[in-house]
Amino acid sequence: MKKRGVLNKELNTVFASLGHTDMIVIADCGLPIPEEVTRIDLSVVKGFPSFLSVLDPILEELEIEAITIAEEMQSHNQIMYQEIQKRFTNTTTHIVSHEQLKEMMKSAKAVIRTGEATPYANMILHSGVNF
């Protein structure tokens, strides 16, 4: 049994399979997920688990080179935008339209669905390398 870190088998399987520049998505409970992309549904009820409570342990596990968020988050979910900015001060941030983010999602290795119920709380994490 693992001693620490993320315990979820499906998450660990995806994490172990990531290569440089591969993408995973952390999504709110309303984002439409393409059928062809692996879905890891962590949602239990509206609001739980929250986006940030899922993001934070993932950041302990993965080397992140860049992130992509929707420009709409800046005006429609300022609190989430500020929290993301705090966590990624030294990380390249790509800002695209929500529609572009949904299109990019089709190339993700997996989408992790949270119970987050605030607007535009979706993010693409681009895998880095640890050397």
C-alpha atoms as a PDB file:
ATOM      1  CA  MET A   1       0.000   0.000   0.000  1.00  0.00           C
ATOM      2  CA  LYS A   2       1.221   3.495  -0.829  1.00  0.00           C
ATOM      3  CA  LYS A   3       2.408   5.472   2.163  1.00  0.00           C
ATOM      4  CA  ARG A   4       1.553   8.921   0.839  1.00  0.00           C
ATOM      5  CA  GLY A   5       0.309  10.902  -2.099  1.00  0.00           C
ATOM      6  CA  VAL A   6      -2.632  10.231  -4.358  1.00  0.00           C
ATOM      7  CA  LEU A   7      -4.245   6.871  -3.600  1.00  0.00           C
ATOM      8  CA  ASN A   8      -6.721   6.675  -6.480  1.00  0.00           C
ATOM      9  CA  LYS A   9      -5.711   3.817  -8.803  1.00  0.00           C
ATOM     10  CA  GLU A  10      -7.047   5.408 -11.979  1.00  0.00           C
ATOM     11  CA  LEU A  11      -5.244   8.691 -11.279  1.00  0.00           C
ATOM     12  CA  ASN A  12      -1.964   6.914 -10.543  1.00  0.00           C
ATOM     13  CA  THR A  13      -2.263   4.879 -13.746  1.00  0.00           C
ATOM     14  CA  VAL A  14      -2.664   8.057 -15.804  1.00  0.00           C
ATOM     15  CA  PHE A  15       0.125   9.868 -13.939  1.00  0.00           C
ATOM     16  CA  ALA A  16       2.541   7.009 -14.563  1.00  0.00           C
ATOM     17  CA  SER A  17       1.726   7.022 -18.283  1.00  0.00           C
ATOM     18  CA  LEU A  18       2.394  10.730 -18.892  1.00  0.00           C
ATOM     19  CA  GLY A  19       5.267  11.825 -21.088  1.00  0.00           C
ATOM     20  CA  HIS A  20       6.632  15.273 -21.838  1.00  0.00           C
ATOM     21  CA  THR A  21       3.875  17.653 -23.066  1.00  0.00           C
ATOM     22  CA  ASP A  22       1.062  15.128 -22.508  1.00  0.00           C
ATOM     23  CA  MET A  23      -2.096  16.766 -21.200  1.00  0.00           C
ATOM     24  CA  ILE A  24      -4.602  15.997 -18.493  1.00  0.00           C
ATOM     25  CA  VAL A  25      -7.654  18.100 -17.651  1.00  0.00           C
ATOM     26  CA  ILE A  26      -9.121  18.961 -14.288  1.00  0.00           C
ATOM     27  CA  ALA A  27     -12.762  19.842 -14.852  1.00  0.00           C
ATOM     28  CA  ASP A  28     -15.770  21.182 -13.039  1.00  0.00           C
ATOM     29  CA  CYS A  29     -18.882  19.030 -12.872  1.00  0.00           C
ATOM     30  CA  GLY A  30     -20.466  20.641 -15.932  1.00  0.00           C
ATOM     31  CA  LEU A  31     -17.761  20.407 -18.580  1.00  0.00           C
ATOM     32  CA  PRO A  32     -18.780  18.090 -21.432  1.00  0.00           C
ATOM     33  CA  ILE A  33     -16.177  15.325 -21.727  1.00  0.00           C
ATOM     34  CA  PRO A  34     -15.561  13.762 -25.134  1.00  0.00           C
ATOM     35  CA  GLU A  35     -16.433  10.046 -25.237  1.00  0.00           C
ATOM     36  CA  GLU A  36     -13.015   9.119 -26.615  1.00  0.00           C
ATOM     37  CA  VAL A  37     -11.096  10.611 -23.664  1.00  0.00           C
ATOM     38  CA  THR A  38     -10.546   8.660 -20.438  1.00  0.00           C
ATOM     39  CA  ARG A  39     -12.856  10.019 -17.739  1.00  0.00           C
ATOM     40  CA  ILE A  40     -11.933   9.783 -14.080  1.00  0.00           C
ATOM     41  CA  ASP A  41     -15.039  10.926 -12.252  1.00  0.00           C
ATOM     42  CA  LEU A  42     -14.302  11.981  -8.678  1.00  0.00           C
ATOM     43  CA  SER A  43     -17.525  13.972  -8.236  1.00  0.00           C
ATOM     44  CA  VAL A  44     -19.745  12.955  -5.339  1.00  0.00           C
ATOM     45  CA  VAL A  45     -22.180  15.843  -4.950  1.00  0.00           C
ATOM     46  CA  LYS A  46     -22.350  19.395  -6.275  1.00  0.00           C
ATOM     47  CA  GLY A  47     -19.314  21.171  -4.865  1.00  0.00           C
ATOM     48  CA  PHE A  48     -17.472  18.064  -3.620  1.00  0.00           C
ATOM     49  CA  PRO A  49     -14.695  17.472  -4.139  1.00  0.00           C
ATOM     50  CA  SER A  50     -13.741  20.998  -5.071  1.00  0.00           C
ATOM     51  CA  PHE A  51     -11.462  21.837  -7.963  1.00  0.00           C
ATOM     52  CA  LEU A  52      -8.646  23.042  -5.693  1.00  0.00           C
ATOM     53  CA  SER A  53      -8.860  20.046  -3.347  1.00  0.00           C
ATOM     54  CA  VAL A  54      -8.197  17.830  -6.376  1.00  0.00           C
ATOM     55  CA  LEU A  55      -5.606  20.106  -7.984  1.00  0.00           C
ATOM     56  CA  ASP A  56      -3.351  20.487  -4.941  1.00  0.00           C
ATOM     57  CA  PRO A  57      -2.447  16.814  -4.398  1.00  0.00           C
ATOM     58  CA  ILE A  58      -1.963  16.385  -8.149  1.00  0.00           C
ATOM     59  CA  LEU A  59       0.597  19.184  -8.085  1.00  0.00           C
ATOM     60  CA  GLU A  60       2.524  17.217  -5.463  1.00  0.00           C
ATOM     61  CA  GLU A  61       2.679  14.241  -7.849  1.00  0.00           C
ATOM     62  CA  LEU A  62       3.381  15.756 -11.267  1.00  0.00           C
ATOM     63  CA  GLU A  63       5.938  17.944 -12.987  1.00  0.00           C
ATOM     64  CA  ILE A  64       3.878  20.622 -14.749  1.00  0.00           C
ATOM     65  CA  GLU A  65       5.467  22.576 -17.586  1.00  0.00           C
ATOM     66  CA  ALA A  66       2.486  24.728 -18.557  1.00  0.00           C
ATOM     67  CA  ILE A  67      -1.209  25.196 -17.953  1.00  0.00           C
ATOM     68  CA  THR A  68      -4.094  26.232 -20.162  1.00  0.00           C
ATOM     69  CA  ILE A  69      -7.197  27.949 -18.846  1.00  0.00           C
ATOM     70  CA  ALA A  70     -10.163  29.649 -20.469  1.00  0.00           C
ATOM     71  CA  GLU A  71     -10.091  33.416 -20.750  1.00  0.00           C
ATOM     72  CA  GLU A  72     -13.655  33.464 -19.418  1.00  0.00           C
ATOM     73  CA  MET A  73     -12.354  32.380 -16.007  1.00  0.00           C
ATOM     74  CA  GLN A  74     -10.710  35.790 -15.556  1.00  0.00           C
ATOM     75  CA  SER A  75     -14.035  37.632 -15.594  1.00  0.00           C
ATOM     76  CA  HIS A  76     -16.549  34.948 -14.553  1.00  0.00           C
ATOM     77  CA  ASN A  77     -14.621  33.196 -11.769  1.00  0.00           C
ATOM     78  CA  GLN A  78     -12.089  35.688 -10.436  1.00  0.00           C
ATOM     79  CA  ILE A  79     -11.545  33.855  -7.135  1.00  0.00           C
ATOM     80  CA  MET A  80     -10.569  30.642  -8.924  1.00  0.00           C
ATOM     81  CA  TYR A  81      -8.391  32.581 -11.350  1.00  0.00           C
ATOM     82  CA  GLN A  82      -6.523  34.191  -8.436  1.00  0.00           C
ATOM     83  CA  GLU A  83      -6.039  30.830  -6.709  1.00  0.00           C
ATOM     84  CA  ILE A  84      -4.608  29.347  -9.891  1.00  0.00           C
ATOM     85  CA  GLN A  85      -2.286  32.302 -10.335  1.00  0.00           C
ATOM     86  CA  LYS A  86      -0.940  31.736  -6.793  1.00  0.00           C
ATOM     87  CA  ARG A  87      -0.129  28.108  -7.557  1.00  0.00           C
ATOM     88  CA  PHE A  88       1.493  28.707 -10.947  1.00  0.00           C
ATOM     89  CA  THR A  89       3.598  31.847 -10.521  1.00  0.00           C
ATOM     90  CA  ASN A  90       6.580  30.342 -12.378  1.00  0.00           C
ATOM     91  CA  THR A  91       4.670  28.248 -14.904  1.00  0.00           C
ATOM     92  CA  THR A  92       3.796  29.185 -18.474  1.00  0.00           C
ATOM     93  CA  THR A  93       0.082  29.974 -18.660  1.00  0.00           C
ATOM     94  CA  HIS A  94      -1.820  29.739 -21.929  1.00  0.00           C
ATOM     95  CA  ILE A  95      -5.149  31.532 -22.030  1.00  0.00           C
ATOM     96  CA  VAL A  96      -7.605  30.459 -24.704  1.00  0.00           C
ATOM     97  CA  SER A  97     -11.342  30.696 -25.245  1.00  0.00           C
ATOM     98  CA  HIS A  98     -13.548  28.171 -23.474  1.00  0.00           C
ATOM     99  CA  GLU A  99     -14.402  26.685 -26.869  1.00  0.00           C
ATOM    100  CA  GLN A 100     -10.697  26.268 -27.709  1.00  0.00           C
ATOM    101  CA  LEU A 101     -10.096  24.594 -24.342  1.00  0.00           C
ATOM    102  CA  LYS A 102     -12.896  22.112 -25.059  1.00  0.00           C
ATOM    103  CA  GLU A 103     -11.342  21.375 -28.459  1.00  0.00           C
ATOM    104  CA  MET A 104      -7.874  20.868 -26.928  1.00  0.00           C
ATOM    105  CA  MET A 105      -9.408  18.496 -24.387  1.00  0.00           C
ATOM    106  CA  LYS A 106      -9.922  15.928 -27.140  1.00  0.00           C
ATOM    107  CA  SER A 107      -6.145  15.324 -27.125  1.00  0.00           C
ATOM    108  CA  ALA A 108      -5.885  14.870 -23.358  1.00  0.00           C
ATOM    109  CA  LYS A 109      -4.809  11.565 -21.817  1.00  0.00           C
ATOM    110  CA  ALA A 110      -7.613  11.954 -19.247  1.00  0.00           C
ATOM    111  CA  VAL A 111     -10.213  14.317 -17.833  1.00  0.00           C
ATOM    112  CA  ILE A 112     -10.577  14.362 -14.068  1.00  0.00           C
ATOM    113  CA  ARG A 113     -14.116  15.438 -13.185  1.00  0.00           C
ATOM    114  CA  THR A 114     -14.548  17.151  -9.827  1.00  0.00           C
ATOM    115  CA  GLY A 115     -17.692  18.285  -8.079  1.00  0.00           C
ATOM    116  CA  GLU A 116     -16.736  21.942  -8.592  1.00  0.00           C
ATOM    117  CA  ALA A 117     -19.791  24.019  -9.422  1.00  0.00           C
ATOM    118  CA  THR A 118     -18.343  27.428 -10.295  1.00  0.00           C
ATOM    119  CA  PRO A 119     -18.073  28.820 -13.836  1.00  0.00           C
ATOM    120  CA  TYR A 120     -15.124  27.936 -16.063  1.00  0.00           C
ATOM    121  CA  ALA A 121     -13.256  25.969 -13.361  1.00  0.00           C
ATOM    122  CA  ASN A 122     -11.382  23.878 -15.905  1.00  0.00           C
ATOM    123  CA  MET A 123      -7.681  23.567 -16.587  1.00  0.00           C
ATOM    124  CA  ILE A 124      -5.324  21.661 -18.822  1.00  0.00           C
ATOM    125  CA  LEU A 125      -2.085  20.567 -17.183  1.00  0.00           C
ATOM    126  CA  HIS A 126       0.814  20.040 -19.613  1.00  0.00           C
ATOM    127  CA  SER A 127       3.287  17.475 -18.349  1.00  0.00           C
ATOM    128  CA  GLY A 128       6.885  18.504 -17.919  1.00  0.00           C
ATOM    129  CA  VAL A 129       9.994  16.448 -17.294  1.00  0.00           C
ATOM    130  CA  ASN A 130      11.797  16.168 -13.982  1.00  0.00           C
ATOM    131  CA  PHE A 131      15.310  16.307 -15.392  1.00  0.00           C
END
